[in-house]
């Protein structure tokens, strides 16, 4: 079962969990499973139109899924999907 690694800023919405097992054969299906389990995450990950916020990055290994097939990127049972929010400041 694929895992989604949750960064510290989003763990408040997952009850402190740092990784969440999800079902799905694509990144999009896994992310849908994540927000189904933790609906409070949705506004922090998705725009109102259902697309991911530009500051939300998803990685399988070293590869950003935006550079692969986006949310249609296939996931294997043993894959770990890392959720990495961009951080900006000044």
N, C-alpha and C. Protein backbone atom coordinates (compact mmCIF):
# COMPACT_ATOMS: atom_id res chain seq x y z
N UNK A 1 0.85 -1.17 0.00
CA UNK A 1 0.00 0.00 0.00
C UNK A 1 0.90 1.24 0.00
N UNK A 2 0.71 2.16 -0.94
CA UNK A 2 1.52 3.37 -0.96
C UNK A 2 1.35 4.19 0.34
N UNK A 3 2.40 4.92 0.67
CA UNK A 3 2.37 5.81 1.83
C UNK A 3 2.54 7.25 1.36
N UNK A 4 1.86 8.16 2.04
CA UNK A 4 2.10 9.59 1.83
C UNK A 4 2.77 10.11 3.08
N UNK A 5 3.96 10.67 2.89
CA UNK A 5 4.72 11.27 3.99
C UNK A 5 4.19 12.69 4.21
N UNK A 6 3.83 13.00 5.44
CA UNK A 6 3.22 14.28 5.78
C UNK A 6 4.24 15.18 6.47
N UNK A 7 4.48 16.39 5.93
CA UNK A 7 5.43 17.30 6.58
C UNK A 7 4.83 17.90 7.85
N UNK A 8 5.69 18.38 8.71
CA UNK A 8 5.28 18.92 10.01
C UNK A 8 4.15 19.95 9.92
N UNK A 9 4.18 20.92 8.98
CA UNK A 9 3.11 21.92 8.98
C UNK A 9 1.70 21.35 8.75
N UNK A 10 1.60 20.16 8.14
CA UNK A 10 0.29 19.58 7.85
C UNK A 10 -0.12 18.51 8.86
N UNK A 11 0.75 18.15 9.78
CA UNK A 11 0.42 17.08 10.72
C UNK A 11 -0.69 17.46 11.69
N UNK A 12 -0.90 18.73 11.90
CA UNK A 12 -2.01 19.18 12.74
C UNK A 12 -3.33 18.62 12.19
N UNK A 13 -3.44 18.55 10.86
CA UNK A 13 -4.67 18.11 10.20
C UNK A 13 -4.78 16.59 10.09
N UNK A 14 -3.70 15.88 10.44
CA UNK A 14 -3.72 14.42 10.38
C UNK A 14 -3.62 13.80 11.77
N UNK A 15 -3.91 14.59 12.79
CA UNK A 15 -3.83 14.09 14.15
C UNK A 15 -2.41 13.75 14.57
N UNK A 16 -1.43 14.41 13.95
CA UNK A 16 -0.03 14.19 14.29
C UNK A 16 0.66 13.09 13.51
N UNK A 17 -0.07 12.40 12.66
CA UNK A 17 0.53 11.32 11.87
C UNK A 17 1.52 11.87 10.86
N UNK A 18 2.66 11.21 10.74
CA UNK A 18 3.67 11.67 9.79
C UNK A 18 3.67 10.87 8.49
N UNK A 19 2.94 9.78 8.45
CA UNK A 19 2.75 9.05 7.21
C UNK A 19 1.38 8.39 7.22
N UNK A 20 0.77 8.38 6.05
CA UNK A 20 -0.59 7.87 5.92
C UNK A 20 -0.62 6.80 4.83
N UNK A 21 -1.03 5.58 5.14
CA UNK A 21 -1.20 4.58 4.08
C UNK A 21 -2.46 4.92 3.28
N UNK A 22 -2.36 4.83 1.98
CA UNK A 22 -3.48 5.15 1.10
C UNK A 22 -3.63 4.08 0.04
N UNK A 23 -4.80 4.05 -0.57
CA UNK A 23 -5.01 3.16 -1.70
C UNK A 23 -5.00 4.01 -2.95
N UNK A 24 -4.80 3.36 -4.06
CA UNK A 24 -4.83 4.06 -5.33
C UNK A 24 -3.66 3.64 -6.19
N UNK A 25 -3.90 3.64 -7.48
CA UNK A 25 -2.85 3.24 -8.41
C UNK A 25 -2.19 4.44 -9.07
N UNK A 26 -2.69 5.65 -8.76
CA UNK A 26 -2.08 6.88 -9.28
C UNK A 26 -1.93 7.87 -8.13
N UNK A 27 -1.11 8.89 -8.36
CA UNK A 27 -0.92 9.94 -7.36
C UNK A 27 -2.26 10.62 -7.05
N UNK A 28 -3.04 10.89 -8.07
CA UNK A 28 -4.34 11.53 -7.87
C UNK A 28 -5.28 10.72 -7.01
N UNK A 29 -5.32 9.40 -7.24
CA UNK A 29 -6.17 8.53 -6.43
C UNK A 29 -5.68 8.50 -4.98
N UNK A 30 -4.36 8.46 -4.80
CA UNK A 30 -3.80 8.46 -3.44
C UNK A 30 -4.13 9.76 -2.72
N UNK A 31 -4.00 10.89 -3.42
CA UNK A 31 -4.31 12.18 -2.80
C UNK A 31 -5.80 12.29 -2.48
N UNK A 32 -6.64 11.75 -3.34
CA UNK A 32 -8.07 11.74 -3.06
C UNK A 32 -8.36 10.93 -1.80
N UNK A 33 -7.66 9.83 -1.64
CA UNK A 33 -7.81 9.02 -0.44
C UNK A 33 -7.35 9.75 0.81
N UNK A 34 -6.27 10.50 0.66
CA UNK A 34 -5.75 11.28 1.79
C UNK A 34 -6.77 12.30 2.26
N UNK A 35 -7.32 13.10 1.34
CA UNK A 35 -8.28 14.13 1.76
C UNK A 35 -9.63 13.54 2.15
N UNK A 36 -9.92 12.32 1.70
CA UNK A 36 -11.14 11.65 2.17
C UNK A 36 -10.97 11.27 3.64
N UNK A 37 -9.76 10.84 4.03
CA UNK A 37 -9.49 10.48 5.42
C UNK A 37 -9.36 11.71 6.31
N UNK A 38 -8.81 12.80 5.73
CA UNK A 38 -8.53 14.01 6.50
C UNK A 38 -9.03 15.23 5.73
N UNK A 39 -10.36 15.45 5.73
CA UNK A 39 -10.95 16.53 4.92
C UNK A 39 -10.42 17.92 5.24
N UNK A 40 -9.93 18.15 6.45
CA UNK A 40 -9.41 19.48 6.80
C UNK A 40 -8.15 19.82 6.01
N UNK A 41 -7.51 18.83 5.40
CA UNK A 41 -6.33 19.08 4.56
C UNK A 41 -6.69 19.69 3.21
N UNK A 42 -7.89 19.41 2.72
CA UNK A 42 -8.26 19.80 1.36
C UNK A 42 -7.95 21.26 1.03
N UNK A 43 -8.39 22.25 1.82
CA UNK A 43 -8.12 23.64 1.43
C UNK A 43 -6.64 24.01 1.46
N UNK A 44 -5.83 23.23 2.14
CA UNK A 44 -4.40 23.50 2.20
C UNK A 44 -3.64 22.87 1.03
N UNK A 45 -4.31 21.96 0.34
CA UNK A 45 -3.68 21.26 -0.78
C UNK A 45 -4.27 21.63 -2.14
N UNK A 46 -5.58 21.89 -2.16
CA UNK A 46 -6.30 22.08 -3.42
C UNK A 46 -6.93 23.47 -3.52
N UNK A 47 -6.98 23.98 -4.73
CA UNK A 47 -7.73 25.21 -5.03
C UNK A 47 -9.21 24.85 -5.10
N UNK A 48 -10.05 25.87 -5.15
CA UNK A 48 -11.50 25.65 -5.25
C UNK A 48 -11.88 24.88 -6.51
N UNK A 49 -11.07 24.99 -7.57
CA UNK A 49 -11.40 24.30 -8.82
C UNK A 49 -10.92 22.85 -8.83
N UNK A 50 -10.32 22.38 -7.73
CA UNK A 50 -9.92 20.98 -7.61
C UNK A 50 -8.49 20.69 -8.03
N UNK A 51 -7.75 21.69 -8.47
CA UNK A 51 -6.35 21.48 -8.83
C UNK A 51 -5.47 21.75 -7.61
N UNK A 52 -4.30 21.13 -7.61
CA UNK A 52 -3.37 21.36 -6.50
C UNK A 52 -2.89 22.80 -6.50
N UNK A 53 -2.71 23.36 -5.32
CA UNK A 53 -2.08 24.67 -5.21
C UNK A 53 -0.68 24.58 -5.82
N UNK A 54 -0.22 25.68 -6.38
CA UNK A 54 1.10 25.71 -7.01
C UNK A 54 2.21 25.44 -6.00
N UNK A 55 1.98 25.75 -4.73
CA UNK A 55 3.02 25.57 -3.71
C UNK A 55 3.07 24.16 -3.15
N UNK A 56 2.19 23.28 -3.61
CA UNK A 56 2.19 21.89 -3.14
C UNK A 56 2.97 21.04 -4.13
N UNK A 57 4.02 20.42 -3.64
CA UNK A 57 4.86 19.56 -4.46
C UNK A 57 4.77 18.14 -3.95
N UNK A 58 4.72 17.20 -4.87
CA UNK A 58 4.64 15.79 -4.53
C UNK A 58 5.81 15.08 -5.19
N UNK A 59 6.55 14.30 -4.41
CA UNK A 59 7.74 13.61 -4.91
C UNK A 59 7.63 12.11 -4.69
N UNK A 60 8.05 11.38 -5.69
CA UNK A 60 8.29 9.94 -5.58
C UNK A 60 9.80 9.80 -5.75
N UNK A 61 10.47 9.42 -4.69
CA UNK A 61 11.93 9.43 -4.73
C UNK A 61 12.41 10.87 -4.93
N UNK A 62 13.25 11.08 -5.90
CA UNK A 62 13.77 12.42 -6.19
C UNK A 62 12.95 13.14 -7.26
N UNK A 63 11.96 12.49 -7.82
CA UNK A 63 11.21 13.04 -8.95
C UNK A 63 9.94 13.76 -8.49
N UNK A 64 9.81 15.01 -8.90
CA UNK A 64 8.59 15.76 -8.68
C UNK A 64 7.55 15.23 -9.66
N UNK A 65 6.36 14.87 -9.17
CA UNK A 65 5.36 14.29 -10.07
C UNK A 65 4.94 15.28 -11.16
N UNK A 66 5.14 16.57 -10.95
CA UNK A 66 4.85 17.56 -12.00
C UNK A 66 5.73 17.32 -13.22
N UNK A 67 6.92 16.75 -13.00
CA UNK A 67 7.84 16.45 -14.09
C UNK A 67 7.59 15.07 -14.69
N UNK A 68 6.69 14.32 -14.09
CA UNK A 68 6.33 13.00 -14.60
C UNK A 68 4.98 13.12 -15.31
N UNK A 69 3.96 12.48 -14.78
CA UNK A 69 2.63 12.54 -15.38
C UNK A 69 1.62 13.26 -14.49
N UNK A 70 2.13 14.11 -13.60
CA UNK A 70 1.23 14.85 -12.71
C UNK A 70 0.45 13.90 -11.83
N UNK A 71 -0.80 14.21 -11.61
CA UNK A 71 -1.65 13.37 -10.76
C UNK A 71 -1.95 12.02 -11.38
N UNK A 72 -1.66 11.86 -12.67
CA UNK A 72 -1.85 10.58 -13.35
C UNK A 72 -0.62 9.68 -13.22
N UNK A 73 0.40 10.12 -12.52
CA UNK A 73 1.61 9.32 -12.33
C UNK A 73 1.26 8.03 -11.60
N UNK A 74 1.64 6.88 -12.16
CA UNK A 74 1.34 5.61 -11.50
C UNK A 74 2.08 5.45 -10.18
N UNK A 75 1.44 4.77 -9.24
CA UNK A 75 2.04 4.45 -7.95
C UNK A 75 2.11 2.93 -7.80
N UNK A 76 3.25 2.45 -7.32
CA UNK A 76 3.40 1.04 -6.99
C UNK A 76 3.04 0.85 -5.52
N UNK A 77 2.77 -0.38 -5.16
CA UNK A 77 2.39 -0.70 -3.78
C UNK A 77 3.41 -0.21 -2.75
N UNK A 78 4.68 -0.24 -3.09
CA UNK A 78 5.73 0.11 -2.13
C UNK A 78 6.18 1.56 -2.23
N UNK A 79 5.54 2.37 -3.07
CA UNK A 79 5.97 3.76 -3.25
C UNK A 79 5.67 4.62 -2.03
N UNK A 80 6.56 5.57 -1.80
CA UNK A 80 6.35 6.60 -0.79
C UNK A 80 6.23 7.93 -1.52
N UNK A 81 5.12 8.57 -1.32
CA UNK A 81 4.83 9.87 -1.92
C UNK A 81 5.07 10.92 -0.86
N UNK A 82 6.02 11.82 -1.12
CA UNK A 82 6.33 12.87 -0.15
C UNK A 82 5.61 14.15 -0.53
N UNK A 83 4.89 14.69 0.41
CA UNK A 83 4.18 15.95 0.26
C UNK A 83 5.09 17.04 0.78
N UNK A 84 5.47 17.99 -0.10
CA UNK A 84 6.43 19.02 0.27
C UNK A 84 5.84 20.39 -0.09
N UNK A 85 5.40 21.16 0.91
CA UNK A 85 4.90 22.50 0.61
C UNK A 85 6.08 23.45 0.40
N UNK A 86 5.97 24.32 -0.58
CA UNK A 86 6.99 25.34 -0.78
C UNK A 86 6.88 26.35 0.34
N UNK A 87 8.01 26.85 0.78
CA UNK A 87 8.03 27.83 1.84
C UNK A 87 8.74 29.08 1.32
N UNK A 88 8.10 30.20 1.50
CA UNK A 88 8.69 31.46 1.06
C UNK A 88 8.70 32.43 2.23
N UNK A 89 9.51 33.39 2.14
CA UNK A 89 9.56 34.37 3.21
C UNK A 89 10.55 35.47 2.86
N UNK A 90 10.63 36.38 3.71
CA UNK A 90 11.55 37.47 3.41
C UNK A 90 12.13 38.07 4.66
